[in-house]
């Protein structure tokens, strides 16, 4: 199983006088993703004199500023101080339902990719998502099978997890289902969105073809995954073209990434598909890019509503 740098490792690196600039940059990336912006800013200031990592440093500094401006850090601190942090939103549980206390007719289903987060921690993501006034169901595949075989502790197999999700929709009595998926979790996420007749799907740097025609991460197509879910290794374009659902498919990726635009453009031309590429952006991670541009929250509101997103990107 691939390991993502932890917050503890980042804190240790910052305290290590022998840490290289590259190691400190990785640590700063992790610190920002967890909302530890004060310490991250100190590290980034130390790295500003290195021209070889200037682009990454500037992006992280921009993300740090946007997190402060958004108010989510203050909200998270207040929630933590009140002892109201939901322990299930930690990426260590395969499923956690955050119900909207006032009631809602909308449900957002969140599927992670590699690692138990969306670049930002799930708890930090929750501070953004709870502003949408919906129920939120967080799903994390701890086996790193990326939901192609359901979830081990909830419902194994794609069909079984689909039935469990339909049960959750029925129990909540919601009218609008919206699916948010990141990276490798997006392939199955889009299939679930189709089968759940979702109103919208927001995919961040997701694969759309596992048939072998387009390059994909080796972790996603390893033999262990193929063995349990051989029927999932298909091309999604014909399925999306034949389905009325989701009503709206929003795909985001970096224009300069070597793989992600290929998968986004693979669905280009379908009437319900919108493709947005961040200009001159090469990273696979999308949330940090959207945060740095200051439009992440706008994208989320557009995802569950109808507000258009100002195009700061290349439309495929």
C-alpha atoms as a PDB file:
ATOM      1  CA  UNK A   1       0.000   0.000   0.000  1.00  0.00           C
ATOM      2  CA  UNK A   2       1.333   3.412  -0.994  1.00  0.00           C
ATOM      3  CA  UNK A   3       1.933   5.720   1.949  1.00  0.00           C
ATOM      4  CA  UNK A   4       1.202   9.442   1.848  1.00  0.00           C
ATOM      5  CA  UNK A   5       3.432  11.689   4.014  1.00  0.00           C
ATOM      6  CA  UNK A   6       1.787  12.140   7.396  1.00  0.00           C
ATOM      7  CA  UNK A   7       1.427  15.268   9.493  1.00  0.00           C
ATOM      8  CA  UNK A   8       3.717  13.729  12.098  1.00  0.00           C
ATOM      9  CA  UNK A   9       6.420  13.162   9.482  1.00  0.00           C
ATOM     10  CA  UNK A  10       6.089  16.748   8.277  1.00  0.00           C
ATOM     11  CA  UNK A  11       6.468  18.107  11.792  1.00  0.00           C
ATOM     12  CA  UNK A  12       9.529  15.925  12.303  1.00  0.00           C
ATOM     13  CA  UNK A  13      11.102  17.124   9.049  1.00  0.00           C
ATOM     14  CA  UNK A  14      10.633  20.769   9.989  1.00  0.00           C
ATOM     15  CA  UNK A  15      12.527  20.143  13.233  1.00  0.00           C
ATOM     16  CA  UNK A  16      15.363  18.354  11.432  1.00  0.00           C
ATOM     17  CA  UNK A  17      18.299  20.748  10.827  1.00  0.00           C
ATOM     18  CA  UNK A  18      19.663  18.422   8.152  1.00  0.00           C
ATOM     19  CA  UNK A  19      16.480  18.419   6.060  1.00  0.00           C
ATOM     20  CA  UNK A  20      17.007  19.374   2.427  1.00  0.00           C
ATOM     21  CA  UNK A  21      14.972  22.051   0.682  1.00  0.00           C
ATOM     22  CA  UNK A  22      13.073  19.355  -1.226  1.00  0.00           C
ATOM     23  CA  UNK A  23      12.233  17.557   2.009  1.00  0.00           C
ATOM     24  CA  UNK A  24      11.120  20.827   3.567  1.00  0.00           C
ATOM     25  CA  UNK A  25       8.947  21.549   0.542  1.00  0.00           C
ATOM     26  CA  UNK A  26       7.219  18.182   0.926  1.00  0.00           C
ATOM     27  CA  UNK A  27       6.734  18.927   4.606  1.00  0.00           C
ATOM     28  CA  UNK A  28       5.265  22.354   3.827  1.00  0.00           C
ATOM     29  CA  UNK A  29       2.893  20.754   1.328  1.00  0.00           C
ATOM     30  CA  UNK A  30       1.642  18.392   4.015  1.00  0.00           C
ATOM     31  CA  UNK A  31       1.362  21.153   6.616  1.00  0.00           C
ATOM     32  CA  UNK A  32      -0.748  23.335   4.327  1.00  0.00           C
ATOM     33  CA  UNK A  33      -2.968  20.398   3.396  1.00  0.00           C
ATOM     34  CA  UNK A  34      -3.747  19.910   7.091  1.00  0.00           C
ATOM     35  CA  UNK A  35      -4.352  23.594   7.686  1.00  0.00           C
ATOM     36  CA  UNK A  36      -1.155  24.125   9.697  1.00  0.00           C
ATOM     37  CA  UNK A  37      -0.489  27.328   7.803  1.00  0.00           C
ATOM     38  CA  UNK A  38       1.491  29.233  10.439  1.00  0.00           C
ATOM     39  CA  UNK A  39       4.262  26.659  10.519  1.00  0.00           C
ATOM     40  CA  UNK A  40       4.004  26.097   6.777  1.00  0.00           C
ATOM     41  CA  UNK A  41       4.487  29.813   6.090  1.00  0.00           C
ATOM     42  CA  UNK A  42       7.669  29.794   8.167  1.00  0.00           C
ATOM     43  CA  UNK A  43       9.022  26.904   6.111  1.00  0.00           C
ATOM     44  CA  UNK A  44       8.011  28.517   2.824  1.00  0.00           C
ATOM     45  CA  UNK A  45       9.769  31.743   3.779  1.00  0.00           C
ATOM     46  CA  UNK A  46      12.958  29.728   4.323  1.00  0.00           C
ATOM     47  CA  UNK A  47      12.619  28.246   0.837  1.00  0.00           C
ATOM     48  CA  UNK A  48      11.979  31.422  -1.148  1.00  0.00           C
ATOM     49  CA  UNK A  49      15.648  31.868  -2.018  1.00  0.00           C
ATOM     50  CA  UNK A  50      15.739  28.563  -3.940  1.00  0.00           C
ATOM     51  CA  UNK A  51      14.809  29.317  -7.585  1.00  0.00           C
ATOM     52  CA  UNK A  52      14.454  25.615  -8.460  1.00  0.00           C
ATOM     53  CA  UNK A  53      11.317  25.219  -6.345  1.00  0.00           C
ATOM     54  CA  UNK A  54       9.930  28.754  -6.661  1.00  0.00           C
ATOM     55  CA  UNK A  55       6.776  27.677  -8.513  1.00  0.00           C
ATOM     56  CA  UNK A  56       5.827  25.122  -5.858  1.00  0.00           C
ATOM     57  CA  UNK A  57       6.643  27.529  -3.030  1.00  0.00           C
ATOM     58  CA  UNK A  58       4.531  30.298  -4.559  1.00  0.00           C
ATOM     59  CA  UNK A  59       1.592  27.957  -5.096  1.00  0.00           C
ATOM     60  CA  UNK A  60       1.637  26.712  -1.512  1.00  0.00           C
ATOM     61  CA  UNK A  61       1.907  30.282  -0.242  1.00  0.00           C
ATOM     62  CA  UNK A  62      -1.138  31.205  -2.337  1.00  0.00           C
ATOM     63  CA  UNK A  63      -3.080  28.223  -0.961  1.00  0.00           C
ATOM     64  CA  UNK A  64      -2.143  29.237   2.571  1.00  0.00           C
ATOM     65  CA  UNK A  65      -3.456  32.765   1.970  1.00  0.00           C
ATOM     66  CA  UNK A  66      -6.703  31.487   0.486  1.00  0.00           C
ATOM     67  CA  UNK A  67      -7.294  29.114   3.386  1.00  0.00           C
ATOM     68  CA  UNK A  68      -6.931  32.030   5.776  1.00  0.00           C
ATOM     69  CA  UNK A  69      -9.240  34.241   3.713  1.00  0.00           C
ATOM     70  CA  UNK A  70     -11.882  31.538   3.375  1.00  0.00           C
ATOM     71  CA  UNK A  71     -12.490  31.402   7.109  1.00  0.00           C
ATOM     72  CA  UNK A  72     -12.443  27.599   7.230  1.00  0.00           C
ATOM     73  CA  UNK A  73      -9.411  27.534   9.528  1.00  0.00           C
ATOM     74  CA  UNK A  74     -11.210  29.646  12.112  1.00  0.00           C
ATOM     75  CA  UNK A  75     -14.316  27.492  11.755  1.00  0.00           C
ATOM     76  CA  UNK A  76     -12.291  24.317  12.208  1.00  0.00           C
ATOM     77  CA  UNK A  77     -10.590  25.748  15.311  1.00  0.00           C
ATOM     78  CA  UNK A  78     -13.989  26.676  16.755  1.00  0.00           C
ATOM     79  CA  UNK A  79     -15.402  23.218  16.045  1.00  0.00           C
ATOM     80  CA  UNK A  80     -12.373  21.569  17.635  1.00  0.00           C
ATOM     81  CA  UNK A  81     -12.556  23.844  20.678  1.00  0.00           C
ATOM     82  CA  UNK A  82     -16.212  22.931  21.151  1.00  0.00           C
ATOM     83  CA  UNK A  83     -15.337  19.243  20.961  1.00  0.00           C
ATOM     84  CA  UNK A  84     -17.631  18.716  17.979  1.00  0.00           C
ATOM     85  CA  UNK A  85     -15.140  17.214  15.547  1.00  0.00           C
ATOM     86  CA  UNK A  86     -16.642  14.107  13.990  1.00  0.00           C
ATOM     87  CA  UNK A  87     -14.043  11.387  14.498  1.00  0.00           C
ATOM     88  CA  UNK A  88     -15.373   9.536  11.468  1.00  0.00           C
ATOM     89  CA  UNK A  89     -14.122  12.257   9.132  1.00  0.00           C
ATOM     90  CA  UNK A  90     -10.537  11.143   9.481  1.00  0.00           C
ATOM     91  CA  UNK A  91      -9.953   8.828   6.545  1.00  0.00           C
ATOM     92  CA  UNK A  92      -9.585   5.846   8.876  1.00  0.00           C
ATOM     93  CA  UNK A  93     -13.190   4.724   8.375  1.00  0.00           C
ATOM     94  CA  UNK A  94     -14.473   3.417   5.064  1.00  0.00           C
ATOM     95  CA  UNK A  95     -17.731   5.312   5.374  1.00  0.00           C
ATOM     96  CA  UNK A  96     -18.996   8.194   7.480  1.00  0.00           C
ATOM     97  CA  UNK A  97     -22.285  10.074   7.151  1.00  0.00           C
ATOM     98  CA  UNK A  98     -22.390  13.727   8.191  1.00  0.00           C
ATOM     99  CA  UNK A  99     -26.082  14.552   8.374  1.00  0.00           C
ATOM    100  CA  UNK A 100     -27.275  18.099   7.962  1.00  0.00           C
ATOM    101  CA  UNK A 101     -28.923  18.907  11.285  1.00  0.00           C
ATOM    102  CA  UNK A 102     -31.508  21.185   9.713  1.00  0.00           C
ATOM    103  CA  UNK A 103     -32.466  18.589   7.152  1.00  0.00           C
ATOM    104  CA  UNK A 104     -31.651  18.706   3.453  1.00  0.00           C
ATOM    105  CA  UNK A 105     -32.961  17.306   0.199  1.00  0.00           C
ATOM    106  CA  UNK A 106     -29.413  17.023  -1.123  1.00  0.00           C
ATOM    107  CA  UNK A 107     -26.664  14.463  -0.542  1.00  0.00           C
ATOM    108  CA  UNK A 108     -23.014  14.833  -1.555  1.00  0.00           C
ATOM    109  CA  UNK A 109     -21.135  11.535  -1.820  1.00  0.00           C
ATOM    110  CA  UNK A 110     -17.360  11.978  -1.516  1.00  0.00           C
ATOM    111  CA  UNK A 111     -14.905   9.382  -2.865  1.00  0.00           C
ATOM    112  CA  UNK A 112     -11.210   9.803  -2.110  1.00  0.00           C
ATOM    113  CA  UNK A 113      -8.329   8.729  -4.310  1.00  0.00           C
ATOM    114  CA  UNK A 114      -4.903   7.587  -3.173  1.00  0.00           C
ATOM    115  CA  UNK A 115      -4.640   8.318   0.517  1.00  0.00           C
ATOM    116  CA  UNK A 116      -7.400   9.152   2.941  1.00  0.00           C
ATOM    117  CA  UNK A 117      -7.841  12.770   1.914  1.00  0.00           C
ATOM    118  CA  UNK A 118      -8.434  15.179  -0.998  1.00  0.00           C
ATOM    119  CA  UNK A 119      -4.947  16.660  -0.739  1.00  0.00           C
ATOM    120  CA  UNK A 120      -6.464  18.739   2.052  1.00  0.00           C
ATOM    121  CA  UNK A 121      -7.498  16.590   4.987  1.00  0.00           C
ATOM    122  CA  UNK A 122     -11.069  15.327   4.998  1.00  0.00           C
ATOM    123  CA  UNK A 123     -11.839  17.406   8.074  1.00  0.00           C
ATOM    124  CA  UNK A 124     -10.617  20.548   6.328  1.00  0.00           C
ATOM    125  CA  UNK A 125     -12.596  19.562   3.225  1.00  0.00           C
ATOM    126  CA  UNK A 126     -15.624  19.143   5.473  1.00  0.00           C
ATOM    127  CA  UNK A 127     -15.347  22.773   6.566  1.00  0.00           C
ATOM    128  CA  UNK A 128     -15.904  23.747   2.924  1.00  0.00           C
ATOM    129  CA  UNK A 129     -18.561  21.149   2.148  1.00  0.00           C
ATOM    130  CA  UNK A 130     -20.732  21.830   5.172  1.00  0.00           C
ATOM    131  CA  UNK A 131     -21.350  25.328   3.793  1.00  0.00           C
ATOM    132  CA  UNK A 132     -23.341  23.678   1.000  1.00  0.00           C
ATOM    133  CA  UNK A 133     -26.100  22.731   3.479  1.00  0.00           C
ATOM    134  CA  UNK A 134     -26.317  19.115   2.363  1.00  0.00           C
ATOM    135  CA  UNK A 135     -25.881  15.709   3.885  1.00  0.00           C
ATOM    136  CA  UNK A 136     -22.364  14.429   3.164  1.00  0.00           C
ATOM    137  CA  UNK A 137     -21.281  10.797   2.883  1.00  0.00           C
ATOM    138  CA  UNK A 138     -17.520  10.239   2.973  1.00  0.00           C
ATOM    139  CA  UNK A 139     -16.158   7.043   1.410  1.00  0.00           C
ATOM    140  CA  UNK A 140     -12.546   5.842   1.650  1.00  0.00           C
ATOM    141  CA  UNK A 141     -11.275   2.569   0.196  1.00  0.00           C
ATOM    142  CA  UNK A 142      -8.642   1.493   2.696  1.00  0.00           C
ATOM    143  CA  UNK A 143      -7.588  -1.408   0.444  1.00  0.00           C
ATOM    144  CA  UNK A 144      -6.658   1.096  -2.283  1.00  0.00           C
ATOM    145  CA  UNK A 145      -8.908  -0.714  -4.753  1.00  0.00           C
ATOM    146  CA  UNK A 146     -10.494   2.676  -5.464  1.00  0.00           C
ATOM    147  CA  UNK A 147     -14.077   1.440  -4.990  1.00  0.00           C
ATOM    148  CA  UNK A 148     -13.909  -0.858  -8.027  1.00  0.00           C
ATOM    149  CA  UNK A 149     -14.738  -3.733  -5.669  1.00  0.00           C
ATOM    150  CA  UNK A 150     -16.966  -1.798  -3.286  1.00  0.00           C
ATOM    151  CA  UNK A 151     -15.764  -1.403   0.290  1.00  0.00           C
ATOM    152  CA  UNK A 152     -14.470  -4.248   2.415  1.00  0.00           C
ATOM    153  CA  UNK A 153     -16.287  -3.362   5.650  1.00  0.00           C
ATOM    154  CA  UNK A 154     -19.435  -1.875   4.113  1.00  0.00           C
ATOM    155  CA  UNK A 155     -20.372  -3.795   0.980  1.00  0.00           C
ATOM    156  CA  UNK A 156     -17.883  -5.739  -1.131  1.00  0.00           C
ATOM    157  CA  UNK A 157     -18.396  -5.633  -4.853  1.00  0.00           C
ATOM    158  CA  UNK A 158     -19.519  -2.739  -7.030  1.00  0.00           C
ATOM    159  CA  UNK A 159     -23.140  -3.860  -7.115  1.00  0.00           C
ATOM    160  CA  UNK A 160     -23.319  -4.381  -3.375  1.00  0.00           C
ATOM    161  CA  UNK A 161     -21.935  -0.927  -2.598  1.00  0.00           C
ATOM    162  CA  UNK A 162     -24.317   0.571  -5.151  1.00  0.00           C
ATOM    163  CA  UNK A 163     -27.242  -1.004  -3.306  1.00  0.00           C
ATOM    164  CA  UNK A 164     -25.905   0.313   0.003  1.00  0.00           C
ATOM    165  CA  UNK A 165     -25.690   3.817  -1.455  1.00  0.00           C
ATOM    166  CA  UNK A 166     -29.219   3.556  -2.805  1.00  0.00           C
ATOM    167  CA  UNK A 167     -30.302   2.541   0.674  1.00  0.00           C
ATOM    168  CA  UNK A 168     -28.650   5.630   2.137  1.00  0.00           C
ATOM    169  CA  UNK A 169     -30.376   7.860  -0.422  1.00  0.00           C
ATOM    170  CA  UNK A 170     -33.725   6.306   0.457  1.00  0.00           C
ATOM    171  CA  UNK A 171     -33.140   6.569   4.195  1.00  0.00           C
ATOM    172  CA  UNK A 172     -32.234  10.253   3.941  1.00  0.00           C
ATOM    173  CA  UNK A 173     -35.196  10.899   1.631  1.00  0.00           C
ATOM    174  CA  UNK A 174     -33.134  13.140  -0.637  1.00  0.00           C
ATOM    175  CA  UNK A 175     -34.058  14.286  -4.129  1.00  0.00           C
ATOM    176  CA  UNK A 176     -30.662  15.453  -5.370  1.00  0.00           C
ATOM    177  CA  UNK A 177     -27.556  13.283  -5.293  1.00  0.00           C
ATOM    178  CA  UNK A 178     -24.185  14.819  -6.134  1.00  0.00           C
ATOM    179  CA  UNK A 179     -20.916  12.863  -6.377  1.00  0.00           C
ATOM    180  CA  UNK A 180     -17.488  14.391  -5.720  1.00  0.00           C
ATOM    181  CA  UNK A 181     -14.483  12.233  -6.564  1.00  0.00           C
ATOM    182  CA  UNK A 182     -10.749  12.714  -6.610  1.00  0.00           C
ATOM    183  CA  UNK A 183      -8.026  11.108  -8.720  1.00  0.00           C
ATOM    184  CA  UNK A 184      -8.202   7.309  -8.971  1.00  0.00           C
ATOM    185  CA  UNK A 185     -11.471   7.241  -7.026  1.00  0.00           C
ATOM    186  CA  UNK A 186     -13.125   9.146  -9.844  1.00  0.00           C
ATOM    187  CA  UNK A 187     -13.525   6.262 -12.268  1.00  0.00           C
ATOM    188  CA  UNK A 188     -15.809   4.296  -9.960  1.00  0.00           C
ATOM    189  CA  UNK A 189     -17.230   7.585  -8.701  1.00  0.00           C
ATOM    190  CA  UNK A 190     -18.536   8.473 -12.148  1.00  0.00           C
ATOM    191  CA  UNK A 191     -20.070   5.016 -12.539  1.00  0.00           C
ATOM    192  CA  UNK A 192     -21.822   5.330  -9.185  1.00  0.00           C
ATOM    193  CA  UNK A 193     -23.035   8.789 -10.220  1.00  0.00           C
ATOM    194  CA  UNK A 194     -24.577   7.319 -13.365  1.00  0.00           C
ATOM    195  CA  UNK A 195     -26.229   4.427 -11.556  1.00  0.00           C
ATOM    196  CA  UNK A 196     -27.508   6.633  -8.732  1.00  0.00           C
ATOM    197  CA  UNK A 197     -28.970   9.052 -11.298  1.00  0.00           C
ATOM    198  CA  UNK A 198     -26.994  11.873  -9.739  1.00  0.00           C
ATOM    199  CA  UNK A 199     -27.739  15.478 -10.574  1.00  0.00           C
ATOM    200  CA  UNK A 200     -24.055  16.277 -10.872  1.00  0.00           C
ATOM    201  CA  UNK A 201     -20.576  14.802 -10.741  1.00  0.00           C
ATOM    202  CA  UNK A 202     -17.392  16.706  -9.980  1.00  0.00           C
ATOM    203  CA  UNK A 203     -14.229  14.812 -10.903  1.00  0.00           C
ATOM    204  CA  UNK A 204     -10.779  16.149 -10.071  1.00  0.00           C
ATOM    205  CA  UNK A 205      -8.014  14.648 -12.241  1.00  0.00           C
ATOM    206  CA  UNK A 206      -9.870  11.391 -12.754  1.00  0.00           C
ATOM    207  CA  UNK A 207      -9.316   8.478 -15.151  1.00  0.00           C
ATOM    208  CA  UNK A 208     -12.139   7.834 -17.630  1.00  0.00           C
ATOM    209  CA  UNK A 209     -10.819   4.802 -19.514  1.00  0.00           C
ATOM    210  CA  UNK A 210      -9.406   1.654 -17.917  1.00  0.00           C
ATOM    211  CA  UNK A 211      -9.615  -0.454 -21.081  1.00  0.00           C
ATOM    212  CA  UNK A 212      -5.904  -0.013 -21.766  1.00  0.00           C
ATOM    213  CA  UNK A 213      -6.205   2.650 -24.450  1.00  0.00           C
ATOM    214  CA  UNK A 214      -4.997   5.482 -22.218  1.00  0.00           C
ATOM    215  CA  UNK A 215      -2.140   5.574 -19.675  1.00  0.00           C
ATOM    216  CA  UNK A 216      -3.157   5.146 -16.042  1.00  0.00           C
ATOM    217  CA  UNK A 217      -1.381   4.796 -12.723  1.00  0.00           C
ATOM    218  CA  UNK A 218       0.017   1.317 -12.145  1.00  0.00           C
ATOM    219  CA  UNK A 219      -1.492   1.224  -8.665  1.00  0.00           C
ATOM    220  CA  UNK A 220      -4.990   1.429 -10.134  1.00  0.00           C
ATOM    221  CA  UNK A 221      -4.510  -1.383 -12.642  1.00  0.00           C
ATOM    222  CA  UNK A 222      -2.385  -3.773 -10.587  1.00  0.00           C
ATOM    223  CA  UNK A 223      -3.195  -7.495 -10.809  1.00  0.00           C
ATOM    224  CA  UNK A 224      -4.673  -7.558  -7.316  1.00  0.00           C
ATOM    225  CA  UNK A 225      -7.389  -5.127  -8.393  1.00  0.00           C
ATOM    226  CA  UNK A 226      -7.981  -6.733 -11.792  1.00  0.00           C
ATOM    227  CA  UNK A 227      -8.497 -10.077 -10.114  1.00  0.00           C
ATOM    228  CA  UNK A 228     -11.408  -8.925  -7.934  1.00  0.00           C
ATOM    229  CA  UNK A 229     -13.046  -6.521 -10.403  1.00  0.00           C
ATOM    230  CA  UNK A 230     -12.176  -7.512 -14.005  1.00  0.00           C
ATOM    231  CA  UNK A 231     -15.526  -6.195 -15.276  1.00  0.00           C
ATOM    232  CA  UNK A 232     -14.628  -2.647 -14.177  1.00  0.00           C
ATOM    233  CA  UNK A 233     -11.710  -2.229 -16.578  1.00  0.00           C
ATOM    234  CA  UNK A 234     -13.672  -0.653 -19.390  1.00  0.00           C
ATOM    235  CA  UNK A 235     -13.981   2.590 -21.312  1.00  0.00           C
ATOM    236  CA  UNK A 236     -16.504   4.919 -19.658  1.00  0.00           C
ATOM    237  CA  UNK A 237     -17.257   7.010 -22.734  1.00  0.00           C
ATOM    238  CA  UNK A 238     -19.829   4.634 -24.280  1.00  0.00           C
ATOM    239  CA  UNK A 239     -21.521   4.250 -20.898  1.00  0.00           C
ATOM    240  CA  UNK A 240     -21.680   7.999 -20.300  1.00  0.00           C
ATOM    241  CA  UNK A 241     -22.909   8.595 -23.856  1.00  0.00           C
ATOM    242  CA  UNK A 242     -25.731   6.082 -23.392  1.00  0.00           C
ATOM    243  CA  UNK A 243     -26.858   7.470 -20.027  1.00  0.00           C
ATOM    244  CA  UNK A 244     -28.921  10.529 -19.128  1.00  0.00           C
ATOM    245  CA  UNK A 245     -27.079  10.701 -15.826  1.00  0.00           C
ATOM    246  CA  UNK A 246     -25.448  12.544 -14.218  1.00  0.00           C
ATOM    247  CA  UNK A 247     -27.205  15.580 -15.625  1.00  0.00           C
ATOM    248  CA  UNK A 248     -23.966  17.529 -15.306  1.00  0.00           C
ATOM    249  CA  UNK A 249     -20.398  16.184 -15.338  1.00  0.00           C
ATOM    250  CA  UNK A 250     -17.688  18.663 -14.315  1.00  0.00           C
ATOM    251  CA  UNK A 251     -14.109  17.524 -14.963  1.00  0.00           C
ATOM    252  CA  UNK A 252     -11.084  19.488 -13.762  1.00  0.00           C
ATOM    253  CA  UNK A 253      -7.408  18.824 -14.448  1.00  0.00           C
ATOM    254  CA  UNK A 254      -4.113  20.575 -15.085  1.00  0.00           C
ATOM    255  CA  UNK A 255      -3.457  21.621 -18.669  1.00  0.00           C
ATOM    256  CA  UNK A 256       0.217  20.610 -18.513  1.00  0.00           C
ATOM    257  CA  UNK A 257      -0.234  17.267 -16.759  1.00  0.00           C
ATOM    258  CA  UNK A 258       0.985  14.455 -19.042  1.00  0.00           C
ATOM    259  CA  UNK A 259      -1.961  12.103 -18.363  1.00  0.00           C
ATOM    260  CA  UNK A 260      -5.000  13.832 -16.860  1.00  0.00           C
ATOM    261  CA  UNK A 261      -5.993  15.923 -19.923  1.00  0.00           C
ATOM    262  CA  UNK A 262      -6.068  12.773 -22.042  1.00  0.00           C
ATOM    263  CA  UNK A 263      -8.738  11.280 -19.798  1.00  0.00           C
ATOM    264  CA  UNK A 264     -10.724  14.508 -19.560  1.00  0.00           C
ATOM    265  CA  UNK A 265     -10.723  15.082 -23.319  1.00  0.00           C
ATOM    266  CA  UNK A 266     -11.786  11.467 -23.777  1.00  0.00           C
ATOM    267  CA  UNK A 267     -15.287  12.556 -22.701  1.00  0.00           C
ATOM    268  CA  UNK A 268     -15.219  15.808 -24.663  1.00  0.00           C
ATOM    269  CA  UNK A 269     -18.198  16.460 -26.906  1.00  0.00           C
ATOM    270  CA  UNK A 270     -20.766  14.692 -24.750  1.00  0.00           C
ATOM    271  CA  UNK A 271     -23.647  17.082 -24.001  1.00  0.00           C
ATOM    272  CA  UNK A 272     -23.497  16.807 -20.201  1.00  0.00           C
ATOM    273  CA  UNK A 273     -19.688  17.041 -19.888  1.00  0.00           C
ATOM    274  CA  UNK A 274     -17.823  20.245 -18.982  1.00  0.00           C
ATOM    275  CA  UNK A 275     -14.028  20.167 -19.044  1.00  0.00           C
ATOM    276  CA  UNK A 276     -11.914  22.796 -17.326  1.00  0.00           C
ATOM    277  CA  UNK A 277      -8.120  22.789 -17.391  1.00  0.00           C
ATOM    278  CA  UNK A 278      -6.018  25.079 -15.246  1.00  0.00           C
ATOM    279  CA  UNK A 279      -3.615  26.945 -17.480  1.00  0.00           C
ATOM    280  CA  UNK A 280       0.074  26.079 -17.154  1.00  0.00           C
ATOM    281  CA  UNK A 281      -0.734  23.685 -14.305  1.00  0.00           C
ATOM    282  CA  UNK A 282       1.099  20.356 -14.345  1.00  0.00           C
ATOM    283  CA  UNK A 283       0.325  18.843 -10.949  1.00  0.00           C
ATOM    284  CA  UNK A 284      -2.081  15.939 -10.581  1.00  0.00           C
ATOM    285  CA  UNK A 285      -3.589  17.458  -7.466  1.00  0.00           C
ATOM    286  CA  UNK A 286      -6.478  19.759  -8.295  1.00  0.00           C
ATOM    287  CA  UNK A 287      -7.684  21.121  -4.970  1.00  0.00           C
ATOM    288  CA  UNK A 288      -4.441  22.960  -4.232  1.00  0.00           C
ATOM    289  CA  UNK A 289      -4.591  24.432  -7.732  1.00  0.00           C
ATOM    290  CA  UNK A 290      -8.199  25.573  -7.324  1.00  0.00           C
ATOM    291  CA  UNK A 291      -7.444  26.950  -3.875  1.00  0.00           C
ATOM    292  CA  UNK A 292      -4.408  28.851  -5.155  1.00  0.00           C
ATOM    293  CA  UNK A 293      -6.611  30.395  -7.865  1.00  0.00           C
ATOM    294  CA  UNK A 294      -9.194  31.325  -5.243  1.00  0.00           C
ATOM    295  CA  UNK A 295     -12.080  29.489  -6.959  1.00  0.00           C
ATOM    296  CA  UNK A 296     -12.377  26.196  -5.056  1.00  0.00           C
ATOM    297  CA  UNK A 297     -15.429  27.235  -3.067  1.00  0.00           C
ATOM    298  CA  UNK A 298     -17.062  28.704  -6.156  1.00  0.00           C
ATOM    299  CA  UNK A 299     -16.587  25.384  -7.947  1.00  0.00           C
ATOM    300  CA  UNK A 300     -18.228  23.541  -5.048  1.00  0.00           C
ATOM    301  CA  UNK A 301     -21.269  25.818  -5.051  1.00  0.00           C
ATOM    302  CA  UNK A 302     -21.580  25.423  -8.807  1.00  0.00           C
ATOM    303  CA  UNK A 303     -21.350  21.660  -8.363  1.00  0.00           C
ATOM    304  CA  UNK A 304     -24.465  21.461  -6.161  1.00  0.00           C
ATOM    305  CA  UNK A 305     -26.331  24.349  -7.793  1.00  0.00           C
ATOM    306  CA  UNK A 306     -26.376  26.106 -11.088  1.00  0.00           C
ATOM    307  CA  UNK A 307     -23.998  29.013 -10.585  1.00  0.00           C
ATOM    308  CA  UNK A 308     -21.461  29.136 -13.439  1.00  0.00           C
ATOM    309  CA  UNK A 309     -17.743  29.099 -12.745  1.00  0.00           C
ATOM    310  CA  UNK A 310     -15.743  31.972 -14.157  1.00  0.00           C
ATOM    311  CA  UNK A 311     -13.438  30.425 -16.705  1.00  0.00           C
ATOM    312  CA  UNK A 312      -9.838  30.991 -15.711  1.00  0.00           C
ATOM    313  CA  UNK A 313      -8.980  27.910 -17.661  1.00  0.00           C
ATOM    314  CA  UNK A 314      -8.709  26.302 -21.048  1.00  0.00           C
ATOM    315  CA  UNK A 315     -12.011  24.830 -22.184  1.00  0.00           C
ATOM    316  CA  UNK A 316     -11.489  21.537 -23.993  1.00  0.00           C
END
